[in-house]
Amino acid sequence: MTWAYDFECDMPILGILAALNQAGPWQWIERDKGALGTYISSVFYPFEGFRARIYSDPHSPGENGPRYTADFWTEPGCEVPRPAIEAAFRNMLVTLSARNVAPGEYWD
């Protein structure tokens, strides 16, 4: 299953990386992919069969916001329900002082 959220944040992508790693509970690393540019990905998977990424909105210029997309992927059989993943992520959005959070488009 895949899903995504768009949000706005005044931090650059590496500022988001630092803030989320400081706040926990998930750990994040910097990555790079041609289509997405610099992005961050969860590496300490809090849930088996789960992945999260945050990247600058592909419809916006540049890699440092203020518009970002967070996408989520769970493999079949992931035992953690989507509401639990979203609740943890909503707490992270508070850490980032994110605004204008809305359903987004998953990019692969």
C-alpha atoms as a PDB file:
ATOM      1  CA  MET A   1       0.000   0.000   0.000  1.00  0.00           C
ATOM      2  CA  THR A   2       1.250   3.485  -0.799  1.00  0.00           C
ATOM      3  CA  TRP A   3       0.035   6.924   0.166  1.00  0.00           C
ATOM      4  CA  ALA A   4       1.403  10.444   0.505  1.00  0.00           C
ATOM      5  CA  TYR A   5       0.891  13.851   2.079  1.00  0.00           C
ATOM      6  CA  ASP A   6       1.968  17.260   0.882  1.00  0.00           C
ATOM      7  CA  PHE A   7       2.917  19.930   3.382  1.00  0.00           C
ATOM      8  CA  GLU A   8       4.706  23.247   3.682  1.00  0.00           C
ATOM      9  CA  CYS A   9       7.678  23.871   5.952  1.00  0.00           C
ATOM     10  CA  ASP A  10      10.165  26.736   6.152  1.00  0.00           C
ATOM     11  CA  MET A  11      13.136  24.428   6.806  1.00  0.00           C
ATOM     12  CA  PRO A  12      15.438  23.205   4.031  1.00  0.00           C
ATOM     13  CA  ILE A  13      15.463  19.431   3.486  1.00  0.00           C
ATOM     14  CA  LEU A  14      18.639  18.957   5.560  1.00  0.00           C
ATOM     15  CA  GLY A  15      17.085  21.028   8.358  1.00  0.00           C
ATOM     16  CA  ILE A  16      14.129  18.648   8.303  1.00  0.00           C
ATOM     17  CA  LEU A  17      16.581  15.739   8.504  1.00  0.00           C
ATOM     18  CA  ALA A  18      18.286  17.204  11.579  1.00  0.00           C
ATOM     19  CA  ALA A  19      15.023  18.133  13.322  1.00  0.00           C
ATOM     20  CA  LEU A  20      13.436  14.713  12.811  1.00  0.00           C
ATOM     21  CA  ASN A  21      16.545  12.825  13.910  1.00  0.00           C
ATOM     22  CA  GLN A  22      16.757  14.949  17.050  1.00  0.00           C
ATOM     23  CA  ALA A  23      13.065  14.440  17.844  1.00  0.00           C
ATOM     24  CA  GLY A  24      12.879  10.703  17.040  1.00  0.00           C
ATOM     25  CA  PRO A  25      11.548   8.066  17.212  1.00  0.00           C
ATOM     26  CA  TRP A  26      12.326   7.319  13.555  1.00  0.00           C
ATOM     27  CA  GLN A  27      15.837   7.841  12.189  1.00  0.00           C
ATOM     28  CA  TRP A  28      16.412   9.410   8.776  1.00  0.00           C
ATOM     29  CA  ILE A  29      19.273   9.619   6.267  1.00  0.00           C
ATOM     30  CA  GLU A  30      19.999  11.839   3.276  1.00  0.00           C
ATOM     31  CA  ARG A  31      19.640  10.214  -0.124  1.00  0.00           C
ATOM     32  CA  ASP A  32      19.624  11.293  -3.757  1.00  0.00           C
ATOM     33  CA  LYS A  33      17.563  10.133  -6.704  1.00  0.00           C
ATOM     34  CA  GLY A  34      17.522  11.821 -10.081  1.00  0.00           C
ATOM     35  CA  ALA A  35      13.762  12.322 -10.234  1.00  0.00           C
ATOM     36  CA  LEU A  36      13.452  13.468  -6.614  1.00  0.00           C
ATOM     37  CA  GLY A  37      16.802  15.181  -6.064  1.00  0.00           C
ATOM     38  CA  THR A  38      18.011  15.227  -2.466  1.00  0.00           C
ATOM     39  CA  TYR A  39      15.510  13.579  -0.142  1.00  0.00           C
ATOM     40  CA  ILE A  40      15.420  11.863   3.228  1.00  0.00           C
ATOM     41  CA  SER A  41      14.377   8.305   3.985  1.00  0.00           C
ATOM     42  CA  SER A  42      13.561   6.505   7.216  1.00  0.00           C
ATOM     43  CA  VAL A  43      16.273   3.957   8.047  1.00  0.00           C
ATOM     44  CA  PHE A  44      15.377   2.781  11.521  1.00  0.00           C
ATOM     45  CA  TYR A  45      12.138   1.199  10.483  1.00  0.00           C
ATOM     46  CA  PRO A  46       9.853   1.403  13.470  1.00  0.00           C
ATOM     47  CA  PHE A  47       7.575  -1.088  11.805  1.00  0.00           C
ATOM     48  CA  GLU A  48       8.566  -4.138   9.791  1.00  0.00           C
ATOM     49  CA  GLY A  49       7.632  -3.838   6.116  1.00  0.00           C
ATOM     50  CA  PHE A  50       7.442  -0.042   6.143  1.00  0.00           C
ATOM     51  CA  ARG A  51       9.275   2.883   4.544  1.00  0.00           C
ATOM     52  CA  ALA A  52       8.849   6.665   4.592  1.00  0.00           C
ATOM     53  CA  ARG A  53      10.464   9.370   2.437  1.00  0.00           C
ATOM     54  CA  ILE A  54      10.310  13.168   2.444  1.00  0.00           C
ATOM     55  CA  TYR A  55      11.287  15.191  -0.614  1.00  0.00           C
ATOM     56  CA  SER A  56      10.682  18.582  -2.154  1.00  0.00           C
ATOM     57  CA  ASP A  57       7.404  18.664  -4.063  1.00  0.00           C
ATOM     58  CA  PRO A  58       8.234  17.444  -7.597  1.00  0.00           C
ATOM     59  CA  HIS A  59       5.910  20.112  -9.028  1.00  0.00           C
ATOM     60  CA  SER A  60       7.923  22.916  -7.385  1.00  0.00           C
ATOM     61  CA  PRO A  61      11.378  24.194  -8.338  1.00  0.00           C
ATOM     62  CA  GLY A  62      14.352  23.435  -6.100  1.00  0.00           C
ATOM     63  CA  GLU A  63      15.055  20.930  -3.358  1.00  0.00           C
ATOM     64  CA  ASN A  64      14.502  23.082  -0.282  1.00  0.00           C
ATOM     65  CA  GLY A  65      10.776  23.617  -0.130  1.00  0.00           C
ATOM     66  CA  PRO A  66       8.779  25.259   1.122  1.00  0.00           C
ATOM     67  CA  ARG A  67       6.497  22.565  -0.358  1.00  0.00           C
ATOM     68  CA  TYR A  68       7.334  18.937   0.452  1.00  0.00           C
ATOM     69  CA  THR A  69       5.844  15.504  -0.067  1.00  0.00           C
ATOM     70  CA  ALA A  70       6.050  12.679   2.461  1.00  0.00           C
ATOM     71  CA  ASP A  71       5.266   9.267   1.067  1.00  0.00           C
ATOM     72  CA  PHE A  72       4.737   5.936   2.754  1.00  0.00           C
ATOM     73  CA  TRP A  73       4.953   2.344   1.596  1.00  0.00           C
ATOM     74  CA  THR A  74       3.917  -0.808   3.416  1.00  0.00           C
ATOM     75  CA  GLU A  75       4.350  -4.302   2.084  1.00  0.00           C
ATOM     76  CA  PRO A  76       1.543  -6.840   2.252  1.00  0.00           C
ATOM     77  CA  GLY A  77       1.365  -8.296   5.730  1.00  0.00           C
ATOM     78  CA  CYS A  78       2.694  -5.196   7.528  1.00  0.00           C
ATOM     79  CA  GLU A  79       1.278  -5.678  11.005  1.00  0.00           C
ATOM     80  CA  VAL A  80       1.074  -2.011  11.934  1.00  0.00           C
ATOM     81  CA  PRO A  81      -2.122  -0.289  10.809  1.00  0.00           C
ATOM     82  CA  ARG A  82      -1.949   2.850   8.723  1.00  0.00           C
ATOM     83  CA  PRO A  83      -3.561   4.976  11.483  1.00  0.00           C
ATOM     84  CA  ALA A  84      -0.628   4.180  13.814  1.00  0.00           C
ATOM     85  CA  ILE A  85       1.898   5.216  11.156  1.00  0.00           C
ATOM     86  CA  GLU A  86      -0.031   8.416  10.444  1.00  0.00           C
ATOM     87  CA  ALA A  87      -0.313   9.285  14.143  1.00  0.00           C
ATOM     88  CA  ALA A  88       3.481   9.044  14.509  1.00  0.00           C
ATOM     89  CA  PHE A  89       3.964  11.143  11.394  1.00  0.00           C
ATOM     90  CA  ARG A  90       1.509  13.821  12.585  1.00  0.00           C
ATOM     91  CA  ASN A  91       3.699  14.229  15.684  1.00  0.00           C
ATOM     92  CA  MET A  92       6.694  14.747  13.398  1.00  0.00           C
ATOM     93  CA  LEU A  93       4.804  17.420  11.463  1.00  0.00           C
ATOM     94  CA  VAL A  94       4.311  19.331  14.722  1.00  0.00           C
ATOM     95  CA  THR A  95       8.094  19.222  15.265  1.00  0.00           C
ATOM     96  CA  LEU A  96       8.551  20.771  11.820  1.00  0.00           C
ATOM     97  CA  SER A  97       5.856  23.432  12.317  1.00  0.00           C
ATOM     98  CA  ALA A  98       4.362  22.089   9.088  1.00  0.00           C
ATOM     99  CA  ARG A  99       1.296  23.722   7.616  1.00  0.00           C
ATOM    100  CA  ASN A 100      -1.194  23.133   4.800  1.00  0.00           C
ATOM    101  CA  VAL A 101      -1.004  19.338   5.159  1.00  0.00           C
ATOM    102  CA  ALA A 102      -3.110  17.603   2.513  1.00  0.00           C
ATOM    103  CA  PRO A 103      -3.263  14.228   0.746  1.00  0.00           C
ATOM    104  CA  GLY A 104      -0.568  14.024  -1.926  1.00  0.00           C
ATOM    105  CA  GLU A 105       0.643  11.886  -4.803  1.00  0.00           C
ATOM    106  CA  TYR A 106       3.011   8.933  -4.299  1.00  0.00           C
ATOM    107  CA  TRP A 107       6.093   9.027  -6.566  1.00  0.00           C
ATOM    108  CA  ASP A 108       8.297   6.029  -7.290  1.00  0.00           C
END
